[in-house]
Amino acid sequence: MKKNMYMIAMALGIIACSREELPVTDQNDQSASGQTTMTIIASTESSNATRTALSGNDTDGYDVVWSEGDEITVGGYGGNLFGLYEGAGKTSATFFLKGNNNLTDGEYDSFYRMYTTTLPTKQTYYPDNTIKSSPMHAKVTISGGKPEPAQFHNLCGLLRLKIKEKEVKDYIEVSQIGISSSQAMAGKFDIVDYAAVMKNEDVFNYITLDCTNNGNNVPLTTDGVDFYIALPAGTYTNVVIDVTDKNGSVCTKRLASGKSLTIERSKITPATFTVEQFIPSNLEAVDMGLSVLWANMNVGAISQNGNGDYFAWGETSTKSSVLLFRQDYYFDKDYTEYSASGKTVLDPEHDVAHVKWGGDWRMPTQSEIAELFDDTKTEWSYVNEYGAEINGVKCYKGMKITSKETGKSIFLKSTGYYKDSGLEYNDSEGLYWSSTICGDESAYRLKFSYPYGTGGYYERHDVANSSFRYCGLPVRPVCDKPSSE
């Protein structure tokens, strides 16, 4: 038998909680003062209707159940409040009036999860496939002082986003998902044929899903994690989805040109994609008066003062201190794809800057690094542990590089690097990958050091300095200047 296909509110895992007590002396709808406590039997739509799904599977269907803690209003959005008494985990449940203001005979609008006249622009993610953002509506008839059984209908449909990370080593945690389009998604609406139909004013064409439930972000997996967003039925064009990670970086996905997203009332619309290119919200391309523009931060960093992530040359997944880099170097392990093939610079699919940030971003070549060290074009100065403000950000322990042509600056953090089983680091040394190979097993790198002691000098190694490719170094990307320049 096909199951119902819409789960109401909270997870099935909490239906074992104790039911709320009716405010009567004998639990038989008779209050201590002799007044009858009003109750309503509320059910979901019939099982032959295809609806949004939250519990079960796509083949057999999904259960539509009420859950402990559910509430409905009778008499409009701000009407009398009824709380679930019994029926948690079932498609039909009994709700009791909270308070003594019994309703007179007549027909009333009743709502589930609707306490205002608008669909909200902000929804909340809950684990275990629960949803508390999808509203329902019913007409409740009271005759002879007793409500007749009422059937609730879903006002919206659900967009089910299954979001995956490319590799388990990516360690992506989602803090927020935003979706926008050319059509209204939230705001004031009318109810037409059980569906929420957006008005022409006081509406919004975006919705955000807050994924910081109980202060925790949502970690992605390679199998994917489901995120549900309630949307009014309709056809949406120019759809843009922004996935924000725990660091505030954003991965943007756009619907292909000419394509649209159709949401049907009480149905689920699935969409699956893999996130890779997370762009920091404060990322800038800095014109240093050189042949390319330099990023103001490292890949994986959230500010110009951060180390960012560490990568083996040609690999696009983050390395960690628990790995033995020599043993865990998977890219071009036999060194045939590049050095033996005659290639000298990484292809875009092996360039972590391009994979993570997309667009024209890439790792710098050896010659572009050498250009950064040209004393006729740039000036270098060491920033110690007391720090200095660079581009409005306090930076510590690294090199401030200023263009003699444009006057703009970037900051390179003293980062150290991973080799074999640990981080080799001192706070006066920075090393960054180039995209250019050096011999059979190495690649060129940018390196600077500022040794302690008398003299206060620093060393810059820009041409003949390299590391074994399996080592973990940070990456400072570059991009080409616009053609108009």
Protein backbone atom coordinates (compact mmCIF):
# COMPACT_ATOMS: atom_id res chain seq x y z
CA MET A 1 0.00 0.00 0.00
CA LYS A 2 1.34 3.38 -0.94
CA LYS A 3 2.01 5.59 2.04
CA ASN A 4 0.83 9.15 2.49
CA MET A 5 3.36 11.59 1.15
CA TYR A 6 3.72 14.50 3.55
CA MET A 7 5.21 14.47 7.02
CA ILE A 8 3.98 17.15 9.40
CA ALA A 9 6.45 19.20 11.41
CA MET A 10 8.65 17.24 13.76
CA ALA A 11 10.60 13.99 13.38
CA LEU A 12 9.10 10.56 13.98
CA GLY A 13 11.89 10.02 16.48
CA ILE A 14 10.16 12.21 19.06
CA ILE A 15 6.67 10.70 18.98
CA ALA A 16 7.44 8.71 22.10
CA CYS A 17 7.32 11.88 24.22
CA SER A 18 4.49 12.04 26.75
CA ARG A 19 1.28 13.59 25.41
CA GLU A 20 0.09 16.93 26.71
CA GLU A 21 -2.66 16.61 29.31
CA LEU A 22 -6.14 17.91 28.63
CA PRO A 23 -7.05 20.64 31.13
CA VAL A 24 -9.88 18.55 32.70
CA THR A 25 -10.35 16.52 35.83
CA ASP A 26 -11.37 13.18 34.35
CA GLN A 27 -9.81 13.33 30.84
CA ASN A 28 -13.32 13.04 29.39
CA ASP A 29 -13.66 16.57 28.03
CA GLN A 30 -15.28 17.81 31.24
CA SER A 31 -13.47 20.63 33.04
CA ALA A 32 -13.47 21.15 36.79
CA SER A 33 -16.06 23.93 36.41
CA GLY A 34 -18.30 21.75 34.28
CA GLN A 35 -17.30 23.48 31.03
CA THR A 36 -16.62 21.25 28.02
CA THR A 37 -13.10 21.47 26.59
CA MET A 38 -13.32 21.91 22.81
CA THR A 39 -11.40 19.35 20.72
CA ILE A 40 -10.86 18.95 16.97
CA ILE A 41 -9.98 15.83 14.99
CA ALA A 42 -7.54 16.96 12.28
CA SER A 43 -6.30 14.79 9.43
CA THR A 44 -3.97 15.20 6.49
CA GLU A 45 -4.92 14.91 2.85
CA SER A 46 -6.15 11.58 1.45
CA SER A 47 -3.56 8.96 0.59
CA ASN A 48 -4.34 9.09 -3.14
CA ALA A 49 -2.92 12.60 -3.39
CA THR A 50 0.74 12.98 -4.33
CA ARG A 51 2.36 15.31 -1.85
CA THR A 52 5.65 16.62 -0.51
CA ALA A 53 7.62 13.93 1.28
CA LEU A 54 9.80 13.89 4.36
CA SER A 55 9.73 10.39 5.87
CA GLY A 56 9.95 7.15 3.90
CA ASN A 57 11.33 6.69 0.40
CA ASP A 58 10.59 7.81 -3.13
CA THR A 59 9.47 4.35 -4.25
CA ASP A 60 6.95 3.47 -1.53
CA GLY A 61 5.91 6.97 -0.59
CA TYR A 62 6.04 8.81 2.70
CA ASP A 63 3.99 8.99 5.87
CA VAL A 64 2.05 12.11 6.71
CA VAL A 65 1.93 12.24 10.50
CA TRP A 66 1.24 14.68 13.28
CA SER A 67 3.93 15.05 15.94
CA GLU A 68 4.24 15.92 19.61
CA GLY A 69 4.18 19.67 20.16
CA ASP A 70 2.15 20.48 17.04
CA GLU A 71 -0.29 23.38 17.24
CA ILE A 72 -2.99 24.77 14.96
CA THR A 73 -4.90 28.05 15.04
CA VAL A 74 -8.65 28.23 14.45
CA GLY A 75 -10.16 31.56 13.49
CA GLY A 76 -7.40 32.99 11.29
CA TYR A 77 -3.67 33.43 11.71
CA GLY A 78 -4.00 34.86 15.22
CA GLY A 79 -7.01 32.77 16.18
CA ASN A 80 -7.60 30.38 19.05
CA LEU A 81 -4.71 28.04 19.67
CA PHE A 82 -5.21 24.27 19.75
CA GLY A 83 -2.48 21.87 20.88
CA LEU A 84 -2.02 18.20 19.97
CA TYR A 85 -3.46 15.86 22.61
CA GLU A 86 -3.22 12.42 21.01
CA GLY A 87 -2.42 10.98 17.61
CA ALA A 88 1.30 11.72 17.35
CA GLY A 89 2.75 9.53 14.61
CA LYS A 90 -0.65 9.15 12.90
CA THR A 91 -2.40 10.83 9.99
CA SER A 92 -5.35 11.78 12.21
CA ALA A 93 -4.94 13.45 15.57
CA THR A 94 -6.94 15.15 18.30
CA PHE A 95 -6.21 18.79 19.18
CA PHE A 96 -7.60 20.58 22.24
CA LEU A 97 -8.32 24.25 22.80
CA LYS A 98 -5.68 25.97 24.91
CA GLY A 99 -7.79 28.30 27.06
CA ASN A 100 -11.49 28.72 27.78
CA ASN A 101 -12.57 30.88 24.85
CA ASN A 102 -14.68 28.29 23.03
CA LEU A 103 -15.75 29.21 19.50
CA THR A 104 -19.35 29.77 18.42
CA ASP A 105 -20.97 27.91 15.53
CA GLY A 106 -19.68 28.80 12.09
CA GLU A 107 -16.88 28.15 9.58
CA TYR A 108 -13.32 29.17 10.42
CA ASP A 109 -9.96 29.25 8.71
CA SER A 110 -7.45 27.01 10.47
CA PHE A 111 -3.70 27.11 9.95
CA TYR A 112 -0.70 24.95 10.76
CA ARG A 113 2.65 26.76 11.03
CA MET A 114 1.09 30.07 10.00
CA TYR A 115 0.92 32.84 12.58
CA THR A 116 1.13 35.82 10.20
CA THR A 117 -0.42 36.80 6.86
CA THR A 118 2.82 36.21 4.95
CA LEU A 119 5.15 33.42 3.95
CA PRO A 120 8.49 34.14 5.68
CA THR A 121 11.70 34.95 3.85
CA LYS A 122 13.69 32.97 6.42
CA GLN A 123 13.25 29.26 7.06
CA THR A 124 15.14 26.93 9.39
CA TYR A 125 16.87 23.62 8.74
CA TYR A 126 16.11 20.79 11.16
CA PRO A 127 17.97 17.45 11.16
CA ASP A 128 16.39 14.04 10.55
CA ASN A 129 14.33 15.27 7.61
CA THR A 130 11.99 17.36 9.75
CA ILE A 131 10.46 20.56 8.46
CA LYS A 132 8.68 23.37 10.25
CA SER A 133 8.42 25.86 7.41
CA SER A 134 5.71 24.30 5.26
CA PRO A 135 2.28 25.74 6.17
CA MET A 136 -1.12 24.00 5.98
CA HIS A 137 -4.72 25.24 5.86
CA ALA A 138 -8.14 23.79 6.62
CA LYS A 139 -11.73 24.95 6.95
CA VAL A 140 -13.11 24.10 10.40
CA THR A 141 -16.89 23.96 10.83
CA ILE A 142 -18.35 24.22 14.34
CA SER A 143 -21.91 22.96 14.67
CA GLY A 144 -23.82 22.65 17.91
CA GLY A 145 -20.76 23.81 19.81
CA LYS A 146 -18.62 20.96 18.48
CA PRO A 147 -16.02 21.17 15.68
CA GLU A 148 -16.45 18.74 12.81
CA PRO A 149 -13.40 16.73 11.65
CA ALA A 150 -11.13 18.89 9.46
CA GLN A 151 -8.74 17.98 6.67
CA PHE A 152 -5.57 20.04 6.25
CA HIS A 153 -4.04 20.86 2.88
CA ASN A 154 -0.46 21.88 2.13
CA LEU A 155 -0.23 25.46 0.89
CA CYS A 156 3.22 25.02 -0.69
CA GLY A 157 5.46 22.45 -2.31
CA LEU A 158 8.97 21.52 -1.23
CA LEU A 159 12.25 21.92 -3.04
CA ARG A 160 14.54 19.13 -1.87
CA LEU A 161 18.15 20.12 -2.42
CA LYS A 162 20.58 17.22 -2.12
CA ILE A 163 23.96 18.90 -1.79
CA LYS A 164 27.18 16.88 -2.01
CA GLU A 165 30.83 17.57 -1.42
CA LYS A 166 33.25 16.30 -4.04
CA GLU A 167 35.51 14.37 -1.71
CA VAL A 168 35.23 13.36 1.92
CA LYS A 169 38.41 15.34 2.60
CA ASP A 170 36.75 18.65 1.70
CA TYR A 171 35.28 19.16 5.21
CA ILE A 172 32.50 21.49 4.03
CA GLU A 173 29.97 22.63 6.65
CA VAL A 174 26.92 24.61 5.49
CA SER A 175 25.69 27.58 7.53
CA GLN A 176 23.08 28.98 5.13
CA ILE A 177 21.39 28.34 1.80
CA GLY A 178 19.80 31.14 -0.20
CA ILE A 179 17.56 30.83 -3.24
CA SER A 180 16.32 33.64 -5.47
CA SER A 181 14.47 33.97 -8.76
CA SER A 182 12.58 36.44 -10.92
CA GLN A 183 9.29 35.43 -9.25
CA ALA A 184 7.92 36.03 -5.74
CA MET A 185 8.78 33.33 -3.19
CA ALA A 186 7.70 34.93 0.09
CA GLY A 187 5.42 37.64 1.37
CA LYS A 188 1.65 38.18 1.28
CA PHE A 189 -0.55 35.61 -0.45
CA ASP A 190 -4.12 34.47 -1.11
CA ILE A 191 -5.37 30.88 -0.84
CA VAL A 192 -6.72 29.57 -4.15
CA ASP A 193 -7.59 25.86 -4.55
CA TYR A 194 -5.66 24.99 -1.38
CA ALA A 195 -2.51 26.71 -2.70
CA ALA A 196 -0.71 29.86 -1.59
CA VAL A 197 -0.87 32.32 -4.51
CA MET A 198 1.45 35.29 -4.14
CA LYS A 199 0.03 38.80 -4.29
CA ASN A 200 1.41 41.53 -6.51
CA GLU A 201 2.72 43.66 -3.63
CA ASP A 202 4.62 43.17 -0.38
CA VAL A 203 6.38 40.11 -1.79
CA PHE A 204 10.01 38.98 -2.01
CA ASN A 205 11.88 36.96 -4.63
CA TYR A 206 14.31 35.27 -2.24
CA ILE A 207 14.34 32.83 0.69
CA THR A 208 17.16 31.85 3.06
CA LEU A 209 17.45 28.57 4.94
CA ASP A 210 19.30 28.95 8.26
CA CYS A 211 21.39 25.81 8.77
CA THR A 212 22.94 26.73 12.14
CA ASN A 213 20.54 24.56 14.13
CA ASN A 214 21.48 24.60 17.84
CA GLY A 215 24.60 26.54 16.95
CA ASN A 216 25.97 23.80 14.67
CA ASN A 217 26.55 23.94 10.93
CA VAL A 218 25.59 21.03 8.67
CA PRO A 219 28.55 18.92 7.45
CA LEU A 220 28.24 17.67 3.87
CA THR A 221 29.08 14.17 2.67
CA THR A 222 29.91 12.69 -0.71
CA ASP A 223 26.49 10.95 -0.67
CA GLY A 224 24.75 14.27 -0.12
CA VAL A 225 22.60 15.89 2.55
CA ASP A 226 18.95 16.83 1.97
CA PHE A 227 17.78 20.39 2.60
CA TYR A 228 14.06 21.19 2.32
CA ILE A 229 12.76 24.63 1.33
CA ALA A 230 9.03 25.36 1.19
CA LEU A 231 8.01 27.34 -1.90
CA PRO A 232 4.66 28.46 -3.31
CA ALA A 233 3.55 26.52 -6.37
CA GLY A 234 4.72 28.12 -9.58
CA THR A 235 7.36 28.25 -12.29
CA TYR A 236 10.58 30.03 -11.33
CA THR A 237 13.14 31.45 -13.76
CA ASN A 238 16.64 32.90 -13.32
CA VAL A 239 17.06 30.72 -10.24
CA VAL A 240 20.24 31.28 -8.21
CA ILE A 241 21.23 29.13 -5.22
CA ASP A 242 23.95 30.33 -2.85
CA VAL A 243 25.47 27.83 -0.40
CA THR A 244 27.41 29.52 2.41
CA ASP A 245 29.96 27.51 4.39
CA LYS A 246 30.96 27.95 8.03
CA ASN A 247 33.71 30.40 7.03
CA GLY A 248 31.36 32.72 5.19
CA SER A 249 32.52 31.63 1.73
CA VAL A 250 29.83 31.18 -0.91
CA CYS A 251 29.31 28.60 -3.65
CA THR A 252 26.85 29.83 -6.27
CA LYS A 253 24.80 27.59 -8.56
CA ARG A 254 22.64 28.95 -11.37
CA LEU A 255 19.94 27.27 -13.40
CA ALA A 256 21.05 26.85 -17.00
CA SER A 257 19.96 29.54 -19.43
CA GLY A 258 16.41 28.96 -20.63
CA LYS A 259 15.67 26.46 -17.87
CA SER A 260 13.02 26.89 -15.16
CA LEU A 261 12.15 25.34 -11.80
CA THR A 262 8.57 24.13 -11.36
CA ILE A 263 7.12 23.66 -7.87
CA GLU A 264 3.73 21.97 -7.48
CA ARG A 265 1.57 22.23 -4.42
CA SER A 266 2.03 19.31 -2.03
CA LYS A 267 4.72 17.73 -4.20
CA ILE A 268 8.44 17.39 -3.83
CA THR A 269 10.84 18.71 -6.46
CA PRO A 270 14.31 17.14 -6.18
CA ALA A 271 17.56 18.80 -7.23
CA THR A 272 21.07 17.46 -6.70
CA PHE A 273 24.43 19.16 -7.15
CA THR A 274 28.00 19.02 -5.91
CA VAL A 275 29.60 22.11 -4.39
CA GLU A 276 33.23 22.90 -5.14
CA GLN A 277 33.87 26.59 -5.75
CA PHE A 278 33.42 28.50 -2.49
CA ILE A 279 34.24 32.17 -2.89
CA PRO A 280 35.02 34.23 0.25
CA SER A 281 32.59 37.11 0.56
CA ASN A 282 35.47 39.56 1.03
CA LEU A 283 37.66 38.21 -1.79
CA GLU A 284 39.27 40.92 -3.93
CA ALA A 285 41.53 40.94 -6.97
CA VAL A 286 44.27 43.50 -6.23
CA ASP A 287 46.00 45.41 -9.02
CA MET A 288 49.67 45.43 -8.06
CA GLY A 289 50.71 47.04 -11.35
CA LEU A 290 51.91 43.66 -12.62
CA SER A 291 50.82 41.40 -15.48
CA VAL A 292 48.16 39.67 -13.31
CA LEU A 293 45.87 40.59 -10.42
CA TRP A 294 46.69 39.04 -7.04
CA ALA A 295 44.07 37.73 -4.60
CA ASN A 296 43.96 39.38 -1.19
CA MET A 297 43.77 36.02 0.64
CA ASN A 298 44.75 32.37 0.43
CA VAL A 299 42.54 29.51 -0.72
CA GLY A 300 40.57 28.33 2.32
CA ALA A 301 41.15 31.53 4.31
CA ILE A 302 38.38 33.89 5.41
CA SER A 303 40.57 37.00 5.60
CA GLN A 304 43.92 38.23 4.32
CA ASN A 305 45.44 37.40 7.73
CA GLY A 306 44.56 33.70 7.54
CA ASN A 307 46.76 30.75 6.62
CA GLY A 308 44.07 29.07 4.59
CA ASP A 309 44.31 25.40 3.65
CA TYR A 310 47.34 23.32 2.69
CA PHE A 311 47.48 21.31 -0.52
CA ALA A 312 49.88 18.94 -2.21
CA TRP A 313 50.85 20.16 -5.68
CA GLY A 314 48.20 19.20 -8.23
CA GLU A 315 45.71 17.98 -5.58
CA THR A 316 42.49 19.84 -4.86
CA SER A 317 41.54 18.37 -1.47
CA THR A 318 42.83 19.73 1.82
CA LYS A 319 45.66 17.94 3.58
CA SER A 320 45.73 17.60 7.37
CA SER A 321 48.47 17.05 9.94
CA VAL A 322 47.45 13.43 10.53
CA LEU A 323 48.45 12.37 7.02
CA LEU A 324 51.90 11.29 5.91
CA PHE A 325 52.25 13.38 2.81
CA ARG A 326 54.82 11.20 1.06
CA GLN A 327 52.58 8.15 1.49
CA ASP A 328 49.32 9.98 0.78
CA TYR A 329 50.28 11.85 -2.36
CA TYR A 330 47.85 10.61 -4.98
CA PHE A 331 48.23 13.04 -7.83
CA ASP A 332 50.68 12.06 -10.60
CA LYS A 333 52.25 9.56 -8.21
CA ASP A 334 54.66 8.21 -10.79
CA TYR A 335 55.40 11.74 -12.09
CA THR A 336 54.54 10.83 -15.66
CA GLU A 337 51.58 13.11 -16.40
CA TYR A 338 53.61 16.30 -16.17
CA SER A 339 57.39 15.97 -16.05
CA ALA A 340 57.52 12.88 -18.28
CA SER A 341 54.90 14.27 -20.66
CA GLY A 342 56.62 17.59 -21.16
CA LYS A 343 53.96 19.66 -19.36
CA THR A 344 55.36 22.43 -17.21
CA VAL A 345 52.25 24.13 -15.76
CA LEU A 346 49.19 22.63 -14.06
CA ASP A 347 46.04 22.13 -16.11
CA PRO A 348 42.92 23.92 -14.76
CA GLU A 349 41.34 20.71 -13.45
CA HIS A 350 44.44 20.12 -11.27
CA ASP A 351 44.79 23.73 -10.18
CA VAL A 352 43.20 24.06 -6.72
CA ALA A 353 42.71 27.82 -7.05
CA HIS A 354 40.63 27.33 -10.20
CA VAL A 355 38.74 24.30 -8.81
CA LYS A 356 37.85 26.04 -5.54
CA TRP A 357 37.16 29.55 -6.82
CA GLY A 358 36.37 29.06 -10.51
CA GLY A 359 36.33 31.90 -13.01
CA ASP A 360 39.80 33.09 -14.04
CA TRP A 361 41.40 32.30 -10.69
CA ARG A 362 44.48 30.05 -10.81
CA MET A 363 47.81 29.41 -9.15
CA PRO A 364 50.61 31.80 -10.18
CA THR A 365 53.38 30.62 -12.46
CA GLN A 366 57.04 30.83 -11.51
CA SER A 367 57.51 33.90 -13.71
CA GLU A 368 54.52 35.68 -12.12
CA ILE A 369 56.00 35.05 -8.68
CA ALA A 370 59.33 36.41 -9.87
CA GLU A 371 57.50 39.53 -11.06
CA LEU A 372 56.14 40.04 -7.55
CA PHE A 373 59.74 40.14 -6.27
CA ASP A 374 60.85 42.81 -8.76
CA ASP A 375 62.26 45.66 -6.62
CA THR A 376 61.51 48.16 -9.36
CA LYS A 377 57.79 47.33 -9.11
CA THR A 378 57.10 46.35 -5.49
CA GLU A 379 58.28 47.12 -1.98
CA TRP A 380 58.38 44.45 0.75
CA SER A 381 58.21 45.00 4.50
CA TYR A 382 57.89 42.54 7.36
CA VAL A 383 54.90 42.77 9.73
CA ASN A 384 55.83 41.47 13.18
CA GLU A 385 53.78 39.99 16.01
CA TYR A 386 52.43 43.43 16.96
CA GLY A 387 50.66 43.65 13.62
CA ALA A 388 49.75 46.38 11.18
CA GLU A 389 46.50 47.43 9.51
CA ILE A 390 46.50 46.52 5.82
CA ASN A 391 43.44 47.31 3.70
CA GLY A 392 41.44 47.78 6.89
CA VAL A 393 42.41 44.39 8.37
CA LYS A 394 44.87 43.87 11.24
CA CYS A 395 47.59 41.49 10.02
CA TYR A 396 50.31 39.72 11.98
CA LYS A 397 53.57 37.95 11.11
CA GLY A 398 54.07 38.09 7.39
CA MET A 399 55.02 40.27 4.45
CA LYS A 400 53.27 43.43 3.28
CA ILE A 401 53.89 43.89 -0.44
CA THR A 402 53.09 47.30 -1.90
CA SER A 403 52.93 48.23 -5.57
CA LYS A 404 55.11 51.19 -6.55
CA GLU A 405 52.75 51.89 -9.44
CA THR A 406 49.25 51.62 -7.92
CA GLY A 407 50.07 52.02 -4.22
CA LYS A 408 47.92 48.97 -3.40
CA SER A 409 49.07 46.21 -1.08
CA ILE A 410 48.63 42.51 -0.36
CA PHE A 411 49.69 40.57 2.72
CA LEU A 412 51.41 37.17 2.65
CA LYS A 413 51.12 35.34 5.95
CA SER A 414 54.03 33.38 7.44
CA THR A 415 52.48 29.95 7.01
CA GLY A 416 55.08 27.20 7.11
CA TYR A 417 54.26 23.96 5.31
CA TYR A 418 53.36 20.32 5.86
CA LYS A 419 56.04 17.75 5.16
CA ASP A 420 55.66 14.08 5.97
CA SER A 421 53.75 13.90 9.26
CA GLY A 422 53.71 17.44 10.59
CA LEU A 423 53.74 21.19 10.10
CA GLU A 424 57.19 22.69 9.73
CA TYR A 425 56.63 26.22 10.82
CA ASN A 426 58.18 29.28 12.29
CA ASP A 427 56.46 32.61 12.40
CA SER A 428 58.96 34.28 10.10
CA GLU A 429 58.67 32.01 7.07
CA GLY A 430 56.09 31.76 4.31
CA LEU A 431 55.88 29.30 1.42
CA TYR A 432 53.32 29.26 -1.40
CA TRP A 433 52.90 26.98 -4.43
CA SER A 434 53.38 28.04 -8.01
CA SER A 435 51.80 26.08 -10.86
CA THR A 436 55.20 25.40 -12.49
CA ILE A 437 57.07 22.11 -12.12
CA CYS A 438 60.75 21.91 -11.21
CA GLY A 439 62.41 18.65 -12.16
CA ASP A 440 60.84 15.24 -11.85
CA GLU A 441 59.43 15.36 -8.30
CA SER A 442 59.29 19.04 -7.33
CA ALA A 443 57.49 22.28 -8.14
CA TYR A 444 58.52 25.89 -7.75
CA ARG A 445 57.31 27.88 -4.78
CA LEU A 446 57.29 31.41 -3.45
CA LYS A 447 59.33 31.62 -0.28
CA PHE A 448 60.27 34.39 2.12
CA SER A 449 61.90 34.29 5.53
CA TYR A 450 62.71 36.88 8.15
CA PRO A 451 65.25 35.34 10.57
CA TYR A 452 65.56 36.61 14.10
CA GLY A 453 68.78 38.23 15.23
CA THR A 454 70.81 41.30 14.45
CA GLY A 455 70.49 43.00 11.13
CA GLY A 456 66.76 42.55 10.76
CA TYR A 457 67.06 41.33 7.17
CA TYR A 458 64.73 39.16 5.18
CA GLU A 459 65.36 36.68 2.39
CA ARG A 460 63.28 36.21 -0.71
CA HIS A 461 63.56 33.09 -2.84
CA ASP A 462 61.73 33.53 -6.09
CA VAL A 463 63.40 31.63 -8.91
CA ALA A 464 65.35 28.55 -7.90
CA ASN A 465 63.35 27.53 -4.82
CA SER A 466 61.17 24.42 -4.83
CA SER A 467 59.47 21.76 -2.70
CA PHE A 468 58.64 18.12 -3.22
CA ARG A 469 55.20 17.95 -4.78
CA TYR A 470 53.78 15.84 -1.96
CA CYS A 471 54.35 18.62 0.59
CA GLY A 472 51.39 20.65 1.81
CA LEU A 473 51.66 24.37 1.01
CA PRO A 474 49.07 27.16 0.94
CA VAL A 475 48.05 28.81 -2.33
CA ARG A 476 47.72 32.51 -3.16
CA PRO A 477 45.78 32.75 -6.45
CA VAL A 478 46.05 35.21 -9.30
CA CYS A 479 43.75 36.06 -12.20
CA ASP A 480 44.19 37.71 -15.56
CA LYS A 481 43.49 41.40 -15.94
CA PRO A 482 40.30 42.30 -17.84
CA SER A 483 40.92 42.61 -21.56
CA SER A 484 39.93 46.29 -21.45
CA GLU A 485 43.06 46.96 -19.45
